[in-house]
Amino acid sequence: MSNVADVTDATFNDLVVKSPKPVVIDYWADWCAPCKQLSPIIDELARDYGDKITFLKMDTNTSTQVPTQQGVLGLPTIQVFVGGEVVKSFTGAKPKSVLLRALEEYL
């Protein structure tokens, strides 16, 4: 079972913008092979660090407004939000070690 909740265009404001914690969004699509490689890494990070950072996944097939507004051009894309604003963004499947280094200031 995943420790990562889904976020949609409709729930973005409540789950991301209003979040008191940093938020990581994994933008993905079911046709994206690298997204499938990244998914278990995001699940692990959520399990290990979910008390400090909220981890969410957004299906870009069903939610298109937020990815467009946030400048998501490729998949998978990981964005880190603090106070409702993007502070870090990565495109492509990254190893767990790279993601941990990027998140260490929030852990």
PDB file of N, CA and C in Angstrom:
ATOM      1  N   MET A   1       0.841  -1.189   0.000  1.00  0.00           N
ATOM      2  CA  MET A   1       0.000   0.000   0.000  1.00  0.00           C
ATOM      3  C   MET A   1       0.880   1.244   0.000  1.00  0.00           C
ATOM      4  N   SER A   2       0.494   2.202  -0.788  1.00  0.00           N
ATOM      5  CA  SER A   2       1.287   3.419  -0.945  1.00  0.00           C
ATOM      6  C   SER A   2       1.037   4.407   0.188  1.00  0.00           C
ATOM      7  N   ASN A   3       2.093   5.115   0.577  1.00  0.00           N
ATOM      8  CA  ASN A   3       1.990   6.197   1.554  1.00  0.00           C
ATOM      9  C   ASN A   3       1.804   7.535   0.851  1.00  0.00           C
ATOM     10  N   VAL A   4       1.546   7.487  -0.439  1.00  0.00           N
ATOM     11  CA  VAL A   4       1.463   8.690  -1.254  1.00  0.00           C
ATOM     12  C   VAL A   4       0.025   8.873  -1.723  1.00  0.00           C
ATOM     13  N   ALA A   5      -0.572  10.005  -1.350  1.00  0.00           N
ATOM     14  CA  ALA A   5      -1.945  10.296  -1.752  1.00  0.00           C
ATOM     15  C   ALA A   5      -1.958  10.911  -3.144  1.00  0.00           C
ATOM     16  N   ASP A   6      -3.121  10.861  -3.764  1.00  0.00           N
ATOM     17  CA  ASP A   6      -3.302  11.501  -5.062  1.00  0.00           C
ATOM     18  C   ASP A   6      -3.728  12.947  -4.862  1.00  0.00           C
ATOM     19  N   VAL A   7      -3.238  13.814  -5.733  1.00  0.00           N
ATOM     20  CA  VAL A   7      -3.664  15.209  -5.765  1.00  0.00           C
ATOM     21  C   VAL A   7      -4.178  15.479  -7.176  1.00  0.00           C
ATOM     22  N   THR A   8      -5.205  16.306  -7.274  1.00  0.00           N
ATOM     23  CA  THR A   8      -5.802  16.638  -8.568  1.00  0.00           C
ATOM     24  C   THR A   8      -5.840  18.151  -8.725  1.00  0.00           C
ATOM     25  N   ASP A   9      -6.259  18.590  -9.897  1.00  0.00           N
ATOM     26  CA  ASP A   9      -6.450  20.028 -10.094  1.00  0.00           C
ATOM     27  C   ASP A   9      -7.375  20.591  -9.015  1.00  0.00           C
ATOM     28  N   ALA A  10      -8.431  19.837  -8.675  1.00  0.00           N
ATOM     29  CA  ALA A  10      -9.434  20.304  -7.716  1.00  0.00           C
ATOM     30  C   ALA A  10      -8.917  20.347  -6.278  1.00  0.00           C
ATOM     31  N   THR A  11      -7.976  19.457  -5.925  1.00  0.00           N
ATOM     32  CA  THR A  11      -7.505  19.394  -4.534  1.00  0.00           C
ATOM     33  C   THR A  11      -6.150  20.063  -4.323  1.00  0.00           C
ATOM     34  N   PHE A  12      -5.546  20.567  -5.389  1.00  0.00           N
ATOM     35  CA  PHE A  12      -4.204  21.159  -5.313  1.00  0.00           C
ATOM     36  C   PHE A  12      -4.124  22.275  -4.272  1.00  0.00           C
ATOM     37  N   ASN A  13      -5.064  23.187  -4.281  1.00  0.00           N
ATOM     38  CA  ASN A  13      -5.016  24.324  -3.359  1.00  0.00           C
ATOM     39  C   ASN A  13      -5.025  23.856  -1.904  1.00  0.00           C
ATOM     40  N   ASP A  14      -5.931  22.941  -1.569  1.00  0.00           N
ATOM     41  CA  ASP A  14      -6.031  22.468  -0.186  1.00  0.00           C
ATOM     42  C   ASP A  14      -4.836  21.616   0.232  1.00  0.00           C
ATOM     43  N   LEU A  15      -4.370  20.734  -0.647  1.00  0.00           N
ATOM     44  CA  LEU A  15      -3.310  19.797  -0.275  1.00  0.00           C
ATOM     45  C   LEU A  15      -1.899  20.357  -0.426  1.00  0.00           C
ATOM     46  N   VAL A  16      -1.721  21.343  -1.292  1.00  0.00           N
ATOM     47  CA  VAL A  16      -0.374  21.852  -1.569  1.00  0.00           C
ATOM     48  C   VAL A  16      -0.211  23.288  -1.090  1.00  0.00           C
ATOM     49  N   VAL A  17      -1.018  24.184  -1.611  1.00  0.00           N
ATOM     50  CA  VAL A  17      -0.863  25.609  -1.294  1.00  0.00           C
ATOM     51  C   VAL A  17      -1.071  25.868   0.195  1.00  0.00           C
ATOM     52  N   LYS A  18      -2.043  25.201   0.794  1.00  0.00           N
ATOM     53  CA  LYS A  18      -2.367  25.440   2.208  1.00  0.00           C
ATOM     54  C   LYS A  18      -1.604  24.531   3.173  1.00  0.00           C
ATOM     55  N   SER A  19      -0.734  23.685   2.668  1.00  0.00           N
ATOM     56  CA  SER A  19      -0.026  22.734   3.524  1.00  0.00           C
ATOM     57  C   SER A  19       0.976  23.435   4.437  1.00  0.00           C
ATOM     58  N   PRO A  20       0.961  23.097   5.727  1.00  0.00           N
ATOM     59  CA  PRO A  20       1.956  23.662   6.639  1.00  0.00           C
ATOM     60  C   PRO A  20       3.340  23.018   6.473  1.00  0.00           C
ATOM     61  N   LYS A  21       3.386  21.854   5.817  1.00  0.00           N
ATOM     62  CA  LYS A  21       4.651  21.140   5.602  1.00  0.00           C
ATOM     63  C   LYS A  21       5.096  21.314   4.156  1.00  0.00           C
ATOM     64  N   PRO A  22       6.384  21.096   3.879  1.00  0.00           N
ATOM     65  CA  PRO A  22       6.819  21.018   2.480  1.00  0.00           C
ATOM     66  C   PRO A  22       6.059  19.887   1.780  1.00  0.00           C
ATOM     67  N   VAL A  23       5.836  20.047   0.489  1.00  0.00           N
ATOM     68  CA  VAL A  23       5.091  19.058  -0.299  1.00  0.00           C
ATOM     69  C   VAL A  23       5.920  18.669  -1.521  1.00  0.00           C
ATOM     70  N   VAL A  24       5.994  17.369  -1.776  1.00  0.00           N
ATOM     71  CA  VAL A  24       6.620  16.848  -2.988  1.00  0.00           C
ATOM     72  C   VAL A  24       5.506  16.286  -3.870  1.00  0.00           C
ATOM     73  N   ILE A  25       5.456  16.759  -5.116  1.00  0.00           N
ATOM     74  CA  ILE A  25       4.503  16.198  -6.078  1.00  0.00           C
ATOM     75  C   ILE A  25       5.277  15.438  -7.146  1.00  0.00           C
ATOM     76  N   ASP A  26       4.838  14.209  -7.373  1.00  0.00           N
ATOM     77  CA  ASP A  26       5.342  13.367  -8.459  1.00  0.00           C
ATOM     78  C   ASP A  26       4.303  13.420  -9.577  1.00  0.00           C
ATOM     79  N   TYR A  27       4.620  14.146 -10.654  1.00  0.00           N
ATOM     80  CA  TYR A  27       3.737  14.206 -11.823  1.00  0.00           C
ATOM     81  C   TYR A  27       4.032  12.987 -12.686  1.00  0.00           C
ATOM     82  N   TRP A  28       3.007  12.223 -13.037  1.00  0.00           N
ATOM     83  CA  TRP A  28       3.207  10.966 -13.735  1.00  0.00           C
ATOM     84  C   TRP A  28       2.070  10.713 -14.732  1.00  0.00           C
ATOM     85  N   ALA A  29       2.239   9.680 -15.541  1.00  0.00           N
ATOM     86  CA  ALA A  29       1.197   9.181 -16.440  1.00  0.00           C
ATOM     87  C   ALA A  29       1.381   7.676 -16.578  1.00  0.00           C
ATOM     88  N   ASP A  30       0.280   6.975 -16.819  1.00  0.00           N
ATOM     89  CA  ASP A  30       0.353   5.512 -16.870  1.00  0.00           C
ATOM     90  C   ASP A  30       1.162   4.987 -18.055  1.00  0.00           C
ATOM     91  N   TRP A  31       1.350   5.780 -19.095  1.00  0.00           N
ATOM     92  CA  TRP A  31       2.115   5.360 -20.270  1.00  0.00           C
ATOM     93  C   TRP A  31       3.617   5.637 -20.130  1.00  0.00           C
ATOM     94  N   CYS A  32       4.019   6.262 -19.034  1.00  0.00           N
ATOM     95  CA  CYS A  32       5.399   6.726 -18.831  1.00  0.00           C
ATOM     96  C   CYS A  32       6.227   5.665 -18.091  1.00  0.00           C
ATOM     97  N   ALA A  33       7.134   4.993 -18.815  1.00  0.00           N
ATOM     98  CA  ALA A  33       7.973   3.949 -18.200  1.00  0.00           C
ATOM     99  C   ALA A  33       8.875   4.493 -17.089  1.00  0.00           C
ATOM    100  N   PRO A  34       9.564   5.637 -17.267  1.00  0.00           N
ATOM    101  CA  PRO A  34      10.379   6.163 -16.172  1.00  0.00           C
ATOM    102  C   PRO A  34       9.548   6.517 -14.928  1.00  0.00           C
ATOM    103  N   CYS A  35       8.282   6.889 -15.138  1.00  0.00           N
ATOM    104  CA  CYS A  35       7.398   7.177 -14.000  1.00  0.00           C
ATOM    105  C   CYS A  35       7.213   5.921 -13.149  1.00  0.00           C
ATOM    106  N   LYS A  36       7.086   4.787 -13.823  1.00  0.00           N
ATOM    107  CA  LYS A  36       6.907   3.518 -13.118  1.00  0.00           C
ATOM    108  C   LYS A  36       8.169   3.132 -12.352  1.00  0.00           C
ATOM    109  N   GLN A  37       9.339   3.515 -12.863  1.00  0.00           N
ATOM    110  CA  GLN A  37      10.594   3.259 -12.150  1.00  0.00           C
ATOM    111  C   GLN A  37      10.702   4.144 -10.912  1.00  0.00           C
ATOM    112  N   LEU A  38      10.221   5.367 -11.003  1.00  0.00           N
ATOM    113  CA  LEU A  38      10.335   6.326  -9.910  1.00  0.00           C
ATOM    114  C   LEU A  38       9.321   6.072  -8.796  1.00  0.00           C
ATOM    115  N   SER A  39       8.181   5.525  -9.135  1.00  0.00           N
ATOM    116  CA  SER A  39       7.090   5.360  -8.179  1.00  0.00           C
ATOM    117  C   SER A  39       7.488   4.652  -6.882  1.00  0.00           C
ATOM    118  N   PRO A  40       8.197   3.509  -6.924  1.00  0.00           N
ATOM    119  CA  PRO A  40       8.567   2.861  -5.663  1.00  0.00           C
ATOM    120  C   PRO A  40       9.544   3.692  -4.828  1.00  0.00           C
ATOM    121  N   ILE A  41      10.355   4.514  -5.478  1.00  0.00           N
ATOM    122  CA  ILE A  41      11.283   5.387  -4.744  1.00  0.00           C
ATOM    123  C   ILE A  41      10.495   6.450  -3.990  1.00  0.00           C
ATOM    124  N   ILE A  42       9.505   7.033  -4.641  1.00  0.00           N
ATOM    125  CA  ILE A  42       8.653   8.034  -3.983  1.00  0.00           C
ATOM    126  C   ILE A  42       7.902   7.386  -2.823  1.00  0.00           C
ATOM    127  N   ASP A  43       7.409   6.163  -3.023  1.00  0.00           N
ATOM    128  CA  ASP A  43       6.726   5.443  -1.945  1.00  0.00           C
ATOM    129  C   ASP A  43       7.652   5.231  -0.745  1.00  0.00           C
ATOM    130  N   GLU A  44       8.906   4.859  -1.002  1.00  0.00           N
ATOM    131  CA  GLU A  44       9.884   4.668   0.082  1.00  0.00           C
ATOM    132  C   GLU A  44      10.142   5.972   0.832  1.00  0.00           C
ATOM    133  N   LEU A  45      10.344   7.049   0.090  1.00  0.00           N
ATOM    134  CA  LEU A  45      10.590   8.347   0.726  1.00  0.00           C
ATOM    135  C   LEU A  45       9.395   8.765   1.571  1.00  0.00           C
ATOM    136  N   ALA A  46       8.192   8.533   1.070  1.00  0.00           N
ATOM    137  CA  ALA A  46       6.983   8.887   1.823  1.00  0.00           C
ATOM    138  C   ALA A  46       6.884   8.063   3.101  1.00  0.00           C
ATOM    139  N   ARG A  47       7.227   6.793   3.004  1.00  0.00           N
ATOM    140  CA  ARG A  47       7.189   5.930   4.189  1.00  0.00           C
ATOM    141  C   ARG A  47       8.207   6.398   5.231  1.00  0.00           C
ATOM    142  N   ASP A  48       9.401   6.751   4.774  1.00  0.00           N
ATOM    143  CA  ASP A  48      10.482   7.105   5.694  1.00  0.00           C
ATOM    144  C   ASP A  48      10.417   8.541   6.209  1.00  0.00           C
ATOM    145  N   TYR A  49       9.878   9.464   5.405  1.00  0.00           N
ATOM    146  CA  TYR A  49       9.946  10.890   5.757  1.00  0.00           C
ATOM    147  C   TYR A  49       8.600  11.600   5.714  1.00  0.00           C
ATOM    148  N   GLY A  50       7.521  10.845   5.630  1.00  0.00           N
ATOM    149  CA  GLY A  50       6.186  11.427   5.530  1.00  0.00           C
ATOM    150  C   GLY A  50       5.761  12.256   6.724  1.00  0.00           C
ATOM    151  N   ASP A  51       6.460  12.103   7.846  1.00  0.00           N
ATOM    152  CA  ASP A  51       6.134  12.929   9.015  1.00  0.00           C
ATOM    153  C   ASP A  51       6.627  14.366   8.839  1.00  0.00           C
ATOM    154  N   LYS A  52       7.606  14.576   7.969  1.00  0.00           N
ATOM    155  CA  LYS A  52       8.189  15.911   7.771  1.00  0.00           C
ATOM    156  C   LYS A  52       7.796  16.546   6.442  1.00  0.00           C
ATOM    157  N   ILE A  53       7.515  15.711   5.445  1.00  0.00           N
ATOM    158  CA  ILE A  53       7.188  16.178   4.097  1.00  0.00           C
ATOM    159  C   ILE A  53       5.953  15.415   3.620  1.00  0.00           C
ATOM    160  N   THR A  54       5.024  16.124   2.995  1.00  0.00           N
ATOM    161  CA  THR A  54       3.865  15.477   2.386  1.00  0.00           C
ATOM    162  C   THR A  54       4.230  15.072   0.959  1.00  0.00           C
ATOM    163  N   PHE A  55       4.021  13.807   0.628  1.00  0.00           N
ATOM    164  CA  PHE A  55       4.303  13.283  -0.708  1.00  0.00           C
ATOM    165  C   PHE A  55       2.985  13.012  -1.424  1.00  0.00           C
ATOM    166  N   LEU A  56       2.850  13.561  -2.630  1.00  0.00           N
ATOM    167  CA  LEU A  56       1.631  13.420  -3.423  1.00  0.00           C
ATOM    168  C   LEU A  56       1.983  13.019  -4.850  1.00  0.00           C
ATOM    169  N   LYS A  57       1.021  12.383  -5.534  1.00  0.00           N
ATOM    170  CA  LYS A  57       1.180  12.032  -6.945  1.00  0.00           C
ATOM    171  C   LYS A  57       0.044  12.664  -7.735  1.00  0.00           C
ATOM    172  N   MET A  58       0.385  13.199  -8.917  1.00  0.00           N
ATOM    173  CA  MET A  58      -0.633  13.775  -9.791  1.00  0.00           C
ATOM    174  C   MET A  58      -0.593  13.084 -11.145  1.00  0.00           C
ATOM    175  N   ASP A  59      -1.727  12.494 -11.526  1.00  0.00           N
ATOM    176  CA  ASP A  59      -1.875  11.848 -12.830  1.00  0.00           C
ATOM    177  C   ASP A  59      -2.125  12.940 -13.869  1.00  0.00           C
ATOM    178  N   THR A  60      -1.165  13.140 -14.750  1.00  0.00           N
ATOM    179  CA  THR A  60      -1.271  14.220 -15.730  1.00  0.00           C
ATOM    180  C   THR A  60      -2.235  13.891 -16.872  1.00  0.00           C
ATOM    181  N   ASN A  61      -2.732  12.664 -16.921  1.00  0.00           N
ATOM    182  CA  ASN A  61      -3.775  12.326 -17.899  1.00  0.00           C
ATOM    183  C   ASN A  61      -5.122  12.889 -17.476  1.00  0.00           C
ATOM    184  N   THR A  62      -5.366  12.931 -16.169  1.00  0.00           N
ATOM    185  CA  THR A  62      -6.665  13.378 -15.666  1.00  0.00           C
ATOM    186  C   THR A  62      -6.623  14.785 -15.089  1.00  0.00           C
ATOM    187  N   SER A  63      -5.468  15.247 -14.671  1.00  0.00           N
ATOM    188  CA  SER A  63      -5.302  16.616 -14.173  1.00  0.00           C
ATOM    189  C   SER A  63      -4.297  17.316 -15.077  1.00  0.00           C
ATOM    190  N   THR A  64      -4.758  18.286 -15.826  1.00  0.00           N
ATOM    191  CA  THR A  64      -3.881  18.966 -16.782  1.00  0.00           C
ATOM    192  C   THR A  64      -3.627  20.427 -16.438  1.00  0.00           C
ATOM    193  N   GLN A  65      -4.509  21.021 -15.650  1.00  0.00           N
ATOM    194  CA  GLN A  65      -4.402  22.451 -15.354  1.00  0.00           C
ATOM    195  C   GLN A  65      -3.165  22.771 -14.519  1.00  0.00           C
ATOM    196  N   VAL A  66      -2.984  22.078 -13.397  1.00  0.00           N
ATOM    197  CA  VAL A  66      -1.845  22.355 -12.510  1.00  0.00           C
ATOM    198  C   VAL A  66      -0.512  22.086 -13.209  1.00  0.00           C
ATOM    199  N   PRO A  67      -0.332  20.931 -13.870  1.00  0.00           N
ATOM    200  CA  PRO A  67       0.952  20.724 -14.555  1.00  0.00           C
ATOM    201  C   PRO A  67       1.268  21.834 -15.564  1.00  0.00           C
ATOM    202  N   THR A  68       0.265  22.299 -16.283  1.00  0.00           N
ATOM    203  CA  THR A  68       0.483  23.386 -17.239  1.00  0.00           C
ATOM    204  C   THR A  68       0.883  24.665 -16.515  1.00  0.00           C
ATOM    205  N   GLN A  69       0.158  25.003 -15.447  1.00  0.00           N
ATOM    206  CA  GLN A  69       0.466  26.214 -14.673  1.00  0.00           C
ATOM    207  C   GLN A  69       1.853  26.148 -14.047  1.00  0.00           C
ATOM    208  N   GLN A  70       2.285  24.943 -13.663  1.00  0.00           N
ATOM    209  CA  GLN A  70       3.568  24.781 -12.979  1.00  0.00           C
ATOM    210  C   GLN A  70       4.722  24.527 -13.950  1.00  0.00           C
ATOM    211  N   GLY A  71       4.448  24.544 -15.240  1.00  0.00           N
ATOM    212  CA  GLY A  71       5.513  24.416 -16.230  1.00  0.00           C
ATOM    213  C   GLY A  71       6.058  23.015 -16.403  1.00  0.00           C
ATOM    214  N   VAL A  72       5.245  22.008 -16.106  1.00  0.00           N
ATOM    215  CA  VAL A  72       5.682  20.623 -16.274  1.00  0.00           C
ATOM    216  C   VAL A  72       5.703  20.307 -17.769  1.00  0.00           C
ATOM    217  N   LEU A  73       6.889  20.023 -18.295  1.00  0.00           N
ATOM    218  CA  LEU A  73       7.054  19.779 -19.728  1.00  0.00           C
ATOM    219  C   LEU A  73       7.412  18.335 -20.054  1.00  0.00           C
ATOM    220  N   GLY A  74       7.893  17.583 -19.078  1.00  0.00           N
ATOM    221  CA  GLY A  74       8.281  16.193 -19.290  1.00  0.00           C
ATOM    222  C   GLY A  74       7.899  15.365 -18.083  1.00  0.00           C
ATOM    223  N   LEU A  75       7.892  14.055 -18.266  1.00  0.00           N
ATOM    224  CA  LEU A  75       7.538  13.156 -17.174  1.00  0.00           C
ATOM    225  C   LEU A  75       8.629  12.113 -16.988  1.00  0.00           C
ATOM    226  N   PRO A  76       8.822  11.671 -15.766  1.00  0.00           N
ATOM    227  CA  PRO A  76       8.223  12.221 -14.557  1.00  0.00           C
ATOM    228  C   PRO A  76       8.869  13.552 -14.183  1.00  0.00           C
ATOM    229  N   THR A  77       8.098  14.384 -13.528  1.00  0.00           N
ATOM    230  CA  THR A  77       8.623  15.612 -12.942  1.00  0.00           C
ATOM    231  C   THR A  77       8.323  15.577 -11.456  1.00  0.00           C
ATOM    232  N   ILE A  78       9.312  15.948 -10.665  1.00  0.00           N
ATOM    233  CA  ILE A  78       9.159  16.081  -9.216  1.00  0.00           C
ATOM    234  C   ILE A  78       9.283  17.559  -8.892  1.00  0.00           C
ATOM    235  N   GLN A  79       8.311  18.082  -8.146  1.00  0.00           N
ATOM    236  CA  GLN A  79       8.404  19.463  -7.679  1.00  0.00           C
ATOM    237  C   GLN A  79       8.261  19.488  -6.168  1.00  0.00           C
ATOM    238  N   VAL A  80       9.071  20.341  -5.536  1.00  0.00           N
ATOM    239  CA  VAL A  80       9.015  20.550  -4.094  1.00  0.00           C
ATOM    240  C   VAL A  80       8.388  21.921  -3.869  1.00  0.00           C
ATOM    241  N   PHE A  81       7.338  21.943  -3.068  1.00  0.00           N
ATOM    242  CA  PHE A  81       6.632  23.179  -2.741  1.00  0.00           C
ATOM    243  C   PHE A  81       6.837  23.519  -1.270  1.00  0.00           C
ATOM    244  N   VAL A  82       7.099  24.779  -0.994  1.00  0.00           N
ATOM    245  CA  VAL A  82       7.142  25.295   0.373  1.00  0.00           C
ATOM    246  C   VAL A  82       6.304  26.567   0.365  1.00  0.00           C
ATOM    247  N   GLY A  83       5.332  26.631   1.260  1.00  0.00           N
ATOM    248  CA  GLY A  83       4.457  27.797   1.292  1.00  0.00           C
ATOM    249  C   GLY A  83       3.676  27.975   0.004  1.00  0.00           C
ATOM    250  N   GLY A  84       3.385  26.887  -0.677  1.00  0.00           N
ATOM    251  CA  GLY A  84       2.608  26.935  -1.905  1.00  0.00           C
ATOM    252  C   GLY A  84       3.389  27.303  -3.151  1.00  0.00           C
ATOM    253  N   GLU A  85       4.702  27.515  -3.021  1.00  0.00           N
ATOM    254  CA  GLU A  85       5.543  27.904  -4.159  1.00  0.00           C
ATOM    255  C   GLU A  85       6.570  26.815  -4.466  1.00  0.00           C
ATOM    256  N   VAL A  86       6.871  26.628  -5.742  1.00  0.00           N
ATOM    257  CA  VAL A  86       7.894  25.655  -6.142  1.00  0.00           C
ATOM    258  C   VAL A  86       9.267  26.178  -5.737  1.00  0.00           C
ATOM    259  N   VAL A  87      10.011  25.357  -4.990  1.00  0.00           N
ATOM    260  CA  VAL A  87      11.374  25.729  -4.601  1.00  0.00           C
ATOM    261  C   VAL A  87      12.417  24.848  -5.292  1.00  0.00           C
ATOM    262  N   LYS A  88      11.990  23.679  -5.779  1.00  0.00           N
ATOM    263  CA  LYS A  88      12.884  22.779  -6.514  1.00  0.00           C
ATOM    264  C   LYS A  88      12.056  21.996  -7.517  1.00  0.00           C
ATOM    265  N   SER A  89      12.686  21.670  -8.646  1.00  0.00           N
ATOM    266  CA  SER A  89      11.996  20.905  -9.680  1.00  0.00           C
ATOM    267  C   SER A  89      13.005  20.027 -10.420  1.00  0.00           C
ATOM    268  N   PHE A  90      12.605  18.791 -10.696  1.00  0.00           N
ATOM    269  CA  PHE A  90      13.455  17.827 -11.399  1.00  0.00           C
ATOM    270  C   PHE A  90      12.619  17.113 -12.447  1.00  0.00           C
ATOM    271  N   THR A  91      13.190  16.872 -13.598  1.00  0.00           N
ATOM    272  CA  THR A  91      12.518  16.085 -14.625  1.00  0.00           C
ATOM    273  C   THR A  91      13.354  14.840 -14.897  1.00  0.00           C
ATOM    274  N   GLY A  92      12.667  13.707 -15.013  1.00  0.00           N
ATOM    275  CA  GLY A  92      13.337  12.436 -15.256  1.00  0.00           C
ATOM    276  C   GLY A  92      13.402  11.609 -13.988  1.00  0.00           C
ATOM    277  N   ALA A  93      13.539  10.313 -14.158  1.00  0.00           N
ATOM    278  CA  ALA A  93      13.638   9.404 -13.017  1.00  0.00           C
ATOM    279  C   ALA A  93      15.009   9.576 -12.372  1.00  0.00           C
ATOM    280  N   LYS A  94      15.015  10.033 -11.143  1.00  0.00           N
ATOM    281  CA  LYS A  94      16.259  10.263 -10.406  1.00  0.00           C
ATOM    282  C   LYS A  94      16.442   9.160  -9.365  1.00  0.00           C
ATOM    283  N   PRO A  95      17.689   8.802  -9.064  1.00  0.00           N
ATOM    284  CA  PRO A  95      17.930   7.823  -8.003  1.00  0.00           C
ATOM    285  C   PRO A  95      17.520   8.391  -6.644  1.00  0.00           C
ATOM    286  N   LYS A  96      17.255   7.493  -5.731  1.00  0.00           N
ATOM    287  CA  LYS A  96      16.850   7.891  -4.382  1.00  0.00           C
ATOM    288  C   LYS A  96      17.881   8.824  -3.751  1.00  0.00           C
ATOM    289  N   SER A  97      19.162   8.564  -3.959  1.00  0.00           N
ATOM    290  CA  SER A  97      20.217   9.385  -3.345  1.00  0.00           C
ATOM    291  C   SER A  97      20.137  10.841  -3.810  1.00  0.00           C
ATOM    292  N   VAL A  98      19.819  11.063  -5.073  1.00  0.00           N
ATOM    293  CA  VAL A  98      19.697  12.426  -5.606  1.00  0.00           C
ATOM    294  C   VAL A  98      18.499  13.130  -4.972  1.00  0.00           C
ATOM    295  N   LEU A  99      17.392  12.423  -4.865  1.00  0.00           N
ATOM    296  CA  LEU A  99      16.198  13.018  -4.262  1.00  0.00           C
ATOM    297  C   LEU A  99      16.416  13.317  -2.784  1.00  0.00           C
ATOM    298  N   LEU A 100      17.081  12.419  -2.082  1.00  0.00           N
ATOM    299  CA  LEU A 100      17.367  12.662  -0.660  1.00  0.00           C
ATOM    300  C   LEU A 100      18.233  13.899  -0.465  1.00  0.00           C
ATOM    301  N   ARG A 101      19.255  14.062  -1.291  1.00  0.00           N
ATOM    302  CA  ARG A 101      20.099  15.267  -1.192  1.00  0.00           C
ATOM    303  C   ARG A 101      19.278  16.530  -1.429  1.00  0.00           C
ATOM    304  N   ALA A 102      18.359  16.468  -2.368  1.00  0.00           N
ATOM    305  CA  ALA A 102      17.525  17.630  -2.680  1.00  0.00           C
ATOM    306  C   ALA A 102      16.554  17.954  -1.551  1.00  0.00           C
ATOM    307  N   LEU A 103      16.180  16.942  -0.787  1.00  0.00           N
ATOM    308  CA  LEU A 103      15.189  17.133   0.272  1.00  0.00           C
ATOM    309  C   LEU A 103      15.800  17.290   1.654  1.00  0.00           C
ATOM    310  N   GLU A 104      17.113  17.118   1.794  1.00  0.00           N
ATOM    311  CA  GLU A 104      17.704  17.035   3.133  1.00  0.00           C
ATOM    312  C   GLU A 104      17.459  18.274   3.985  1.00  0.00           C
ATOM    313  N   GLU A 105      17.339  19.454   3.390  1.00  0.00           N
ATOM    314  CA  GLU A 105      17.098  20.646   4.211  1.00  0.00           C
ATOM    315  C   GLU A 105      15.700  20.653   4.822  1.00  0.00           C
ATOM    316  N   TYR A 106      14.807  19.792   4.341  1.00  0.00           N
ATOM    317  CA  TYR A 106      13.442  19.723   4.872  1.00  0.00           C
ATOM    318  C   TYR A 106      13.239  18.531   5.802  1.00  0.00           C
ATOM    319  N   LEU A 107      14.274  17.715   5.975  1.00  0.00           N
ATOM    320  CA  LEU A 107      14.157  16.504   6.803  1.00  0.00           C
ATOM    321  C   LEU A 107      14.593  16.750   8.228  1.00  0.00           C
TER     322      LEU A 107
END
